[in-house]
Amino acid sequence: MPTVERPSNPPSDSLAGQRTIMERVRLEWMHYVYEFLIVALGISIPFLLDRWNQNIQDRQREQQYYANLQQELEEDLEGIRLNRAYNTYYQKEYEYGSQIILQNNRNLSDTLGHIFYDTRYYSDFHRNSNLYETLIQSGELPLISNREIVLRLQNLEERYTYLNRVESNHFDVIMGLAAPELVTRLRIEPFKVIDEDWLFGYESHNLLLVFISLCKEKEDIYAYAEQLITELQRILEKELK
């Protein structure tokens, strides 16, 4: 039987045909890839533009909130400083009255009487709105990228709550302890000390010490709140640059 030799190389026209098919397949795949990329870009670019615009708007809202917060803090700081000075004035007055009693200086009984009459005054910052709660209710909390601002706002609100409670206690002491004594121990108009012995006694001295203690406690809160506000303002100034 005659042997059939395997061709060593395919015919050139067969190779050309295979190359043509492969080229056609490659071109078709490239066409599909290009179409996919065009469609993907057509979808992605508007989405990315919307996202970019949204980020800009969110940042603008964040900046506006910081500016508004800065204004509110400035008003709070002014109020705290005024109340702090008011509180310091009466604390010193009560301390002076305490020294008059300890020295039993009856020559200053009218002065001491006026000091007791002044116990009806007290500093009252008493902020009604809550900065942190307002932030949550406004829905702007997610916009605040600097979480330190949120934490410091919470801390400041705790100081405000504490201060309001102490101020309420101060008012209760005035109405419950001081006022009843003022109307029985002093004549208001024209002014005259009616019960000098009570005025220089231990009960009146204890009452002054209570007022001094309240003033000192409020001074500590005022000082700390003022520090918190100034620190928070520095952070906001950096965010607003």
C-alpha atoms as a PDB file:
ATOM      1  CA  MET A   1       0.000   0.000   0.000  1.00  0.00           C
ATOM      2  CA  PRO A   2       1.445   3.344  -0.978  1.00  0.00           C
ATOM      3  CA  THR A   3       2.187   5.673   1.915  1.00  0.00           C
ATOM      4  CA  VAL A   4       0.658   9.182   2.124  1.00  0.00           C
ATOM      5  CA  GLU A   5       2.933  11.855   3.377  1.00  0.00           C
ATOM      6  CA  ARG A   6       1.485  14.561   5.670  1.00  0.00           C
ATOM      7  CA  PRO A   7       1.967  17.994   4.201  1.00  0.00           C
ATOM      8  CA  SER A   8       4.679  19.814   6.087  1.00  0.00           C
ATOM      9  CA  ASN A   9       2.983  23.223   5.716  1.00  0.00           C
ATOM     10  CA  PRO A  10      -0.680  24.213   5.087  1.00  0.00           C
ATOM     11  CA  PRO A  11      -1.457  25.967   1.880  1.00  0.00           C
ATOM     12  CA  SER A  12      -0.909  29.688   2.000  1.00  0.00           C
ATOM     13  CA  ASP A  13      -4.516  30.441   1.065  1.00  0.00           C
ATOM     14  CA  SER A  14      -5.716  28.424   4.110  1.00  0.00           C
ATOM     15  CA  LEU A  15      -3.523  30.489   6.467  1.00  0.00           C
ATOM     16  CA  ALA A  16      -4.815  33.667   4.938  1.00  0.00           C
ATOM     17  CA  GLY A  17      -8.390  32.542   5.539  1.00  0.00           C
ATOM     18  CA  GLN A  18      -7.704  31.734   9.177  1.00  0.00           C
ATOM     19  CA  ARG A  19      -6.061  35.121   9.700  1.00  0.00           C
ATOM     20  CA  THR A  20      -9.077  36.828   8.178  1.00  0.00           C
ATOM     21  CA  ILE A  21     -11.474  35.049  10.558  1.00  0.00           C
ATOM     22  CA  MET A  22      -9.302  35.841  13.574  1.00  0.00           C
ATOM     23  CA  GLU A  23      -9.065  39.474  12.543  1.00  0.00           C
ATOM     24  CA  ARG A  24     -12.814  39.663  12.107  1.00  0.00           C
ATOM     25  CA  VAL A  25     -13.391  38.142  15.557  1.00  0.00           C
ATOM     26  CA  ARG A  26     -10.885  40.555  17.099  1.00  0.00           C
ATOM     27  CA  LEU A  27     -12.529  43.537  15.442  1.00  0.00           C
ATOM     28  CA  GLU A  28     -15.964  42.417  16.580  1.00  0.00           C
ATOM     29  CA  TRP A  29     -14.757  42.043  20.183  1.00  0.00           C
ATOM     30  CA  MET A  30     -13.088  45.433  20.054  1.00  0.00           C
ATOM     31  CA  HIS A  31     -16.329  46.882  18.751  1.00  0.00           C
ATOM     32  CA  TYR A  32     -18.254  45.319  21.646  1.00  0.00           C
ATOM     33  CA  VAL A  33     -15.664  46.596  24.128  1.00  0.00           C
ATOM     34  CA  TYR A  34     -15.830  50.107  22.685  1.00  0.00           C
ATOM     35  CA  GLU A  35     -19.623  50.060  22.810  1.00  0.00           C
ATOM     36  CA  PHE A  36     -19.515  48.861  26.420  1.00  0.00           C
ATOM     37  CA  LEU A  37     -17.039  51.590  27.357  1.00  0.00           C
ATOM     38  CA  ILE A  38     -19.119  54.248  25.627  1.00  0.00           C
ATOM     39  CA  VAL A  39     -22.283  53.084  27.417  1.00  0.00           C
ATOM     40  CA  ALA A  40     -20.430  52.854  30.750  1.00  0.00           C
ATOM     41  CA  LEU A  41     -19.000  56.337  30.329  1.00  0.00           C
ATOM     42  CA  GLY A  42     -22.386  57.651  29.275  1.00  0.00           C
ATOM     43  CA  ILE A  43     -23.848  56.354  32.532  1.00  0.00           C
ATOM     44  CA  SER A  44     -20.883  57.097  34.814  1.00  0.00           C
ATOM     45  CA  ILE A  45     -20.057  60.649  33.766  1.00  0.00           C
ATOM     46  CA  PRO A  46     -23.471  62.160  34.625  1.00  0.00           C
ATOM     47  CA  PHE A  47     -23.473  60.178  37.873  1.00  0.00           C
ATOM     48  CA  LEU A  48     -20.000  61.419  38.756  1.00  0.00           C
ATOM     49  CA  LEU A  49     -20.966  64.983  37.855  1.00  0.00           C
ATOM     50  CA  ASP A  50     -24.066  64.752  40.031  1.00  0.00           C
ATOM     51  CA  ARG A  51     -21.992  63.340  42.863  1.00  0.00           C
ATOM     52  CA  TRP A  52     -19.416  66.105  42.452  1.00  0.00           C
ATOM     53  CA  ASN A  53     -22.125  68.764  42.446  1.00  0.00           C
ATOM     54  CA  GLN A  54     -23.734  67.170  45.504  1.00  0.00           C
ATOM     55  CA  ASN A  55     -20.403  67.192  47.337  1.00  0.00           C
ATOM     56  CA  ILE A  56     -19.997  70.871  46.524  1.00  0.00           C
ATOM     57  CA  GLN A  57     -23.507  71.623  47.789  1.00  0.00           C
ATOM     58  CA  ASP A  58     -22.929  69.573  50.951  1.00  0.00           C
ATOM     59  CA  ARG A  59     -19.687  71.419  51.625  1.00  0.00           C
ATOM     60  CA  GLN A  60     -21.438  74.750  51.101  1.00  0.00           C
ATOM     61  CA  ARG A  61     -24.155  73.736  53.565  1.00  0.00           C
ATOM     62  CA  GLU A  62     -21.498  72.582  56.017  1.00  0.00           C
ATOM     63  CA  GLN A  63     -19.676  75.890  55.691  1.00  0.00           C
ATOM     64  CA  GLN A  64     -22.935  77.804  56.169  1.00  0.00           C
ATOM     65  CA  TYR A  65     -23.669  75.792  59.311  1.00  0.00           C
ATOM     66  CA  TYR A  66     -20.199  76.556  60.655  1.00  0.00           C
ATOM     67  CA  ALA A  67     -20.718  80.262  59.981  1.00  0.00           C
ATOM     68  CA  ASN A  68     -24.107  80.240  61.740  1.00  0.00           C
ATOM     69  CA  LEU A  69     -22.674  78.254  64.635  1.00  0.00           C
ATOM     70  CA  GLN A  70     -19.792  80.698  64.917  1.00  0.00           C
ATOM     71  CA  GLN A  71     -22.298  83.546  65.241  1.00  0.00           C
ATOM     72  CA  GLU A  72     -24.315  81.703  67.905  1.00  0.00           C
ATOM     73  CA  LEU A  73     -21.170  80.892  69.869  1.00  0.00           C
ATOM     74  CA  GLU A  74     -20.090  84.527  69.747  1.00  0.00           C
ATOM     75  CA  GLU A  75     -23.446  85.556  71.207  1.00  0.00           C
ATOM     76  CA  ASP A  76     -23.150  82.853  73.878  1.00  0.00           C
ATOM     77  CA  LEU A  77     -19.643  83.975  74.727  1.00  0.00           C
ATOM     78  CA  GLU A  78     -20.786  87.565  75.184  1.00  0.00           C
ATOM     79  CA  GLY A  79     -23.642  86.417  77.423  1.00  0.00           C
ATOM     80  CA  ILE A  80     -21.397  84.204  79.511  1.00  0.00           C
ATOM     81  CA  ARG A  81     -18.833  86.949  80.010  1.00  0.00           C
ATOM     82  CA  LEU A  82     -21.493  89.441  81.085  1.00  0.00           C
ATOM     83  CA  ASN A  83     -23.037  86.965  83.524  1.00  0.00           C
ATOM     84  CA  ARG A  84     -19.619  85.938  84.773  1.00  0.00           C
ATOM     85  CA  ALA A  85     -18.738  89.561  85.589  1.00  0.00           C
ATOM     86  CA  TYR A  86     -22.139  90.044  87.247  1.00  0.00           C
ATOM     87  CA  ASN A  87     -21.638  86.893  89.314  1.00  0.00           C
ATOM     88  CA  THR A  88     -18.103  87.917  90.323  1.00  0.00           C
ATOM     89  CA  TYR A  89     -19.294  91.320  91.514  1.00  0.00           C
ATOM     90  CA  TYR A  90     -21.867  89.841  93.900  1.00  0.00           C
ATOM     91  CA  GLN A  91     -19.539  87.089  95.057  1.00  0.00           C
ATOM     92  CA  LYS A  92     -17.062  89.743  96.199  1.00  0.00           C
ATOM     93  CA  GLU A  93     -19.877  91.676  97.843  1.00  0.00           C
ATOM     94  CA  TYR A  94     -21.023  88.602  99.782  1.00  0.00           C
ATOM     95  CA  GLU A  95     -17.439  87.857 100.828  1.00  0.00           C
ATOM     96  CA  TYR A  96     -17.146  91.427 102.101  1.00  0.00           C
ATOM     97  CA  GLY A  97     -20.379  90.965 104.053  1.00  0.00           C
ATOM     98  CA  SER A  98     -19.005  87.751 105.537  1.00  0.00           C
ATOM     99  CA  GLN A  99     -15.945  89.633 106.801  1.00  0.00           C
ATOM    100  CA  ILE A 100     -18.159  92.323 108.357  1.00  0.00           C
ATOM    101  CA  ILE A 101     -20.047  89.641 110.291  1.00  0.00           C
ATOM    102  CA  LEU A 102     -16.889  87.832 111.407  1.00  0.00           C
ATOM    103  CA  GLN A 103     -15.412  91.101 112.615  1.00  0.00           C
ATOM    104  CA  ASN A 104     -18.759  92.065 114.227  1.00  0.00           C
ATOM    105  CA  ASN A 105     -18.330  95.562 112.817  1.00  0.00           C
ATOM    106  CA  ARG A 106     -21.646  97.099 113.825  1.00  0.00           C
ATOM    107  CA  ASN A 107     -20.637 100.431 112.320  1.00  0.00           C
ATOM    108  CA  LEU A 108     -21.214  98.802 108.935  1.00  0.00           C
ATOM    109  CA  SER A 109     -24.654  97.404 109.726  1.00  0.00           C
ATOM    110  CA  ASP A 110     -26.319  99.487 106.986  1.00  0.00           C
ATOM    111  CA  THR A 111     -23.701  98.303 104.489  1.00  0.00           C
ATOM    112  CA  LEU A 112     -24.305  94.721 105.552  1.00  0.00           C
ATOM    113  CA  GLY A 113     -28.053  95.255 105.290  1.00  0.00           C
ATOM    114  CA  HIS A 114     -27.678  96.479 101.710  1.00  0.00           C
ATOM    115  CA  ILE A 115     -25.536  93.446 100.925  1.00  0.00           C
ATOM    116  CA  PHE A 116     -28.306  91.167 102.171  1.00  0.00           C
ATOM    117  CA  TYR A 117     -30.830  93.155 100.181  1.00  0.00           C
ATOM    118  CA  ASP A 118     -28.691  92.527  97.077  1.00  0.00           C
ATOM    119  CA  THR A 119     -29.022  88.771  97.514  1.00  0.00           C
ATOM    120  CA  ARG A 120     -32.170  89.064  95.395  1.00  0.00           C
ATOM    121  CA  TYR A 121     -29.918  89.560  92.352  1.00  0.00           C
ATOM    122  CA  TYR A 122     -28.216  86.684  90.582  1.00  0.00           C
ATOM    123  CA  SER A 123     -26.592  85.931  87.242  1.00  0.00           C
ATOM    124  CA  ASP A 124     -28.766  83.929  84.859  1.00  0.00           C
ATOM    125  CA  PHE A 125     -27.316  82.884  81.498  1.00  0.00           C
ATOM    126  CA  HIS A 126     -30.019  80.226  81.025  1.00  0.00           C
ATOM    127  CA  ARG A 127     -29.707  79.333  77.341  1.00  0.00           C
ATOM    128  CA  ASN A 128     -33.035  78.037  76.038  1.00  0.00           C
ATOM    129  CA  SER A 129     -31.955  76.441  72.745  1.00  0.00           C
ATOM    130  CA  ASN A 130     -29.786  73.363  72.507  1.00  0.00           C
ATOM    131  CA  LEU A 131     -27.053  73.600  69.860  1.00  0.00           C
ATOM    132  CA  TYR A 132     -26.461  69.849  69.615  1.00  0.00           C
ATOM    133  CA  GLU A 133     -30.155  68.891  69.607  1.00  0.00           C
ATOM    134  CA  THR A 134     -30.830  71.554  66.990  1.00  0.00           C
ATOM    135  CA  LEU A 135     -28.074  70.069  64.832  1.00  0.00           C
ATOM    136  CA  ILE A 136     -29.649  66.613  65.030  1.00  0.00           C
ATOM    137  CA  GLN A 137     -33.188  67.836  64.357  1.00  0.00           C
ATOM    138  CA  SER A 138     -32.059  69.895  61.370  1.00  0.00           C
ATOM    139  CA  GLY A 139     -30.710  66.767  59.653  1.00  0.00           C
ATOM    140  CA  GLU A 140     -27.336  68.434  59.112  1.00  0.00           C
ATOM    141  CA  LEU A 141     -25.373  66.149  61.435  1.00  0.00           C
ATOM    142  CA  PRO A 142     -24.153  63.882  58.552  1.00  0.00           C
ATOM    143  CA  LEU A 143     -22.743  66.983  56.826  1.00  0.00           C
ATOM    144  CA  ILE A 144     -20.301  67.700  59.658  1.00  0.00           C
ATOM    145  CA  SER A 145     -17.060  66.149  58.476  1.00  0.00           C
ATOM    146  CA  ASN A 146     -15.085  67.285  61.521  1.00  0.00           C
ATOM    147  CA  ARG A 147     -16.355  65.018  64.298  1.00  0.00           C
ATOM    148  CA  GLU A 148     -14.396  66.959  66.915  1.00  0.00           C
ATOM    149  CA  ILE A 149     -16.878  69.800  66.439  1.00  0.00           C
ATOM    150  CA  VAL A 150     -19.757  67.468  67.278  1.00  0.00           C
ATOM    151  CA  LEU A 151     -18.010  66.140  70.389  1.00  0.00           C
ATOM    152  CA  ARG A 152     -17.213  69.638  71.634  1.00  0.00           C
ATOM    153  CA  LEU A 153     -20.793  70.744  71.027  1.00  0.00           C
ATOM    154  CA  GLN A 154     -22.002  67.861  73.189  1.00  0.00           C
ATOM    155  CA  ASN A 155     -19.540  68.824  75.911  1.00  0.00           C
ATOM    156  CA  LEU A 156     -20.623  72.461  75.765  1.00  0.00           C
ATOM    157  CA  GLU A 157     -24.288  71.512  76.010  1.00  0.00           C
ATOM    158  CA  GLU A 158     -23.512  69.493  79.141  1.00  0.00           C
ATOM    159  CA  ARG A 159     -21.948  72.617  80.684  1.00  0.00           C
ATOM    160  CA  TYR A 160     -24.997  74.677  79.739  1.00  0.00           C
ATOM    161  CA  THR A 161     -27.322  72.122  81.332  1.00  0.00           C
ATOM    162  CA  TYR A 162     -25.243  72.071  84.497  1.00  0.00           C
ATOM    163  CA  LEU A 163     -25.125  75.875  84.605  1.00  0.00           C
ATOM    164  CA  ASN A 164     -28.896  76.187  84.150  1.00  0.00           C
ATOM    165  CA  ARG A 165     -29.429  73.754  87.021  1.00  0.00           C
ATOM    166  CA  VAL A 166     -27.144  75.724  89.353  1.00  0.00           C
ATOM    167  CA  GLU A 167     -28.838  78.980  88.356  1.00  0.00           C
ATOM    168  CA  SER A 168     -32.212  77.415  89.166  1.00  0.00           C
ATOM    169  CA  ASN A 169     -30.844  76.318  92.549  1.00  0.00           C
ATOM    170  CA  HIS A 170     -29.627  79.880  93.147  1.00  0.00           C
ATOM    171  CA  PHE A 171     -33.124  81.221  92.445  1.00  0.00           C
ATOM    172  CA  ASP A 172     -34.659  78.655  94.813  1.00  0.00           C
ATOM    173  CA  VAL A 173     -32.301  79.744  97.599  1.00  0.00           C
ATOM    174  CA  ILE A 174     -33.275  83.381  97.040  1.00  0.00           C
ATOM    175  CA  MET A 175     -36.988  82.666  97.143  1.00  0.00           C
ATOM    176  CA  GLY A 176     -36.903  79.997  99.818  1.00  0.00           C
ATOM    177  CA  LEU A 177     -34.275  81.325 102.254  1.00  0.00           C
ATOM    178  CA  ALA A 178     -33.286  84.929 101.557  1.00  0.00           C
ATOM    179  CA  ALA A 179     -36.549  86.619 100.547  1.00  0.00           C
ATOM    180  CA  PRO A 180     -38.495  85.688 103.716  1.00  0.00           C
ATOM    181  CA  GLU A 181     -35.691  87.109 105.851  1.00  0.00           C
ATOM    182  CA  LEU A 182     -35.405  90.314 103.835  1.00  0.00           C
ATOM    183  CA  VAL A 183     -39.055  91.250 104.371  1.00  0.00           C
ATOM    184  CA  THR A 184     -38.851  90.714 108.149  1.00  0.00           C
ATOM    185  CA  ARG A 185     -35.308  91.835 109.038  1.00  0.00           C
ATOM    186  CA  LEU A 186     -35.084  94.951 106.832  1.00  0.00           C
ATOM    187  CA  ARG A 187     -37.275  97.909 106.041  1.00  0.00           C
ATOM    188  CA  ILE A 188     -36.972  98.450 102.313  1.00  0.00           C
ATOM    189  CA  GLU A 189     -38.238 102.036 101.900  1.00  0.00           C
ATOM    190  CA  PRO A 190     -36.828 104.062 103.499  1.00  0.00           C
ATOM    191  CA  PHE A 191     -34.063 101.561 104.058  1.00  0.00           C
ATOM    192  CA  LYS A 192     -33.305 100.548 107.620  1.00  0.00           C
ATOM    193  CA  VAL A 193     -31.940  97.483 109.407  1.00  0.00           C
ATOM    194  CA  ILE A 194     -34.684  96.282 111.758  1.00  0.00           C
ATOM    195  CA  ASP A 195     -33.007  93.233 113.322  1.00  0.00           C
ATOM    196  CA  GLU A 196     -29.300  93.965 113.718  1.00  0.00           C
ATOM    197  CA  ASP A 197     -28.698  90.981 115.971  1.00  0.00           C
ATOM    198  CA  TRP A 198     -29.966  88.605 113.284  1.00  0.00           C
ATOM    199  CA  LEU A 199     -27.939  90.449 110.685  1.00  0.00           C
ATOM    200  CA  PHE A 200     -24.722  89.723 112.616  1.00  0.00           C
ATOM    201  CA  GLY A 201     -25.759  86.252 113.747  1.00  0.00           C
ATOM    202  CA  TYR A 202     -24.705  82.812 112.548  1.00  0.00           C
ATOM    203  CA  GLU A 203     -27.893  82.260 110.489  1.00  0.00           C
ATOM    204  CA  SER A 204     -27.298  85.287 108.303  1.00  0.00           C
ATOM    205  CA  HIS A 205     -23.629  84.373 107.998  1.00  0.00           C
ATOM    206  CA  ASN A 206     -24.528  80.839 106.916  1.00  0.00           C
ATOM    207  CA  LEU A 207     -26.886  82.298 104.343  1.00  0.00           C
ATOM    208  CA  LEU A 208     -24.114  84.456 102.909  1.00  0.00           C
ATOM    209  CA  LEU A 209     -21.818  81.422 102.777  1.00  0.00           C
ATOM    210  CA  VAL A 210     -24.458  79.571 100.742  1.00  0.00           C
ATOM    211  CA  PHE A 211     -24.570  82.441  98.255  1.00  0.00           C
ATOM    212  CA  ILE A 212     -20.776  82.569  98.108  1.00  0.00           C
ATOM    213  CA  SER A 213     -20.674  78.830  97.405  1.00  0.00           C
ATOM    214  CA  LEU A 214     -23.242  79.163  94.604  1.00  0.00           C
ATOM    215  CA  CYS A 215     -21.301  82.046  93.055  1.00  0.00           C
ATOM    216  CA  LYS A 216     -18.054  80.062  93.157  1.00  0.00           C
ATOM    217  CA  GLU A 217     -19.691  77.049  91.534  1.00  0.00           C
ATOM    218  CA  LYS A 218     -21.138  79.232  88.802  1.00  0.00           C
ATOM    219  CA  GLU A 219     -17.765  80.918  88.272  1.00  0.00           C
ATOM    220  CA  ASP A 220     -16.158  77.535  87.611  1.00  0.00           C
ATOM    221  CA  ILE A 221     -18.842  76.648  85.072  1.00  0.00           C
ATOM    222  CA  TYR A 222     -18.668  80.056  83.368  1.00  0.00           C
ATOM    223  CA  ALA A 223     -14.882  79.802  83.081  1.00  0.00           C
ATOM    224  CA  TYR A 224     -14.991  76.290  81.632  1.00  0.00           C
ATOM    225  CA  ALA A 225     -17.808  77.129  79.202  1.00  0.00           C
ATOM    226  CA  GLU A 226     -15.868  80.175  78.025  1.00  0.00           C
ATOM    227  CA  GLN A 227     -12.819  77.993  77.419  1.00  0.00           C
ATOM    228  CA  LEU A 228     -14.878  75.429  75.476  1.00  0.00           C
ATOM    229  CA  ILE A 229     -16.395  78.130  73.283  1.00  0.00           C
ATOM    230  CA  THR A 230     -13.073  79.784  72.427  1.00  0.00           C
ATOM    231  CA  GLU A 231     -11.530  76.398  71.562  1.00  0.00           C
ATOM    232  CA  LEU A 232     -14.514  75.498  69.388  1.00  0.00           C
ATOM    233  CA  GLN A 233     -14.328  78.879  67.665  1.00  0.00           C
ATOM    234  CA  ARG A 234     -10.684  78.246  66.745  1.00  0.00           C
ATOM    235  CA  ILE A 235     -11.640  74.926  65.150  1.00  0.00           C
ATOM    236  CA  LEU A 236     -14.470  76.578  63.197  1.00  0.00           C
ATOM    237  CA  GLU A 237     -12.166  79.335  61.984  1.00  0.00           C
ATOM    238  CA  LYS A 238      -9.865  76.713  60.460  1.00  0.00           C
ATOM    239  CA  GLU A 239     -12.828  75.025  58.758  1.00  0.00           C
ATOM    240  CA  LEU A 240     -14.041  78.333  57.336  1.00  0.00           C
ATOM    241  CA  LYS A 241     -10.692  79.290  55.774  1.00  0.00           C
END
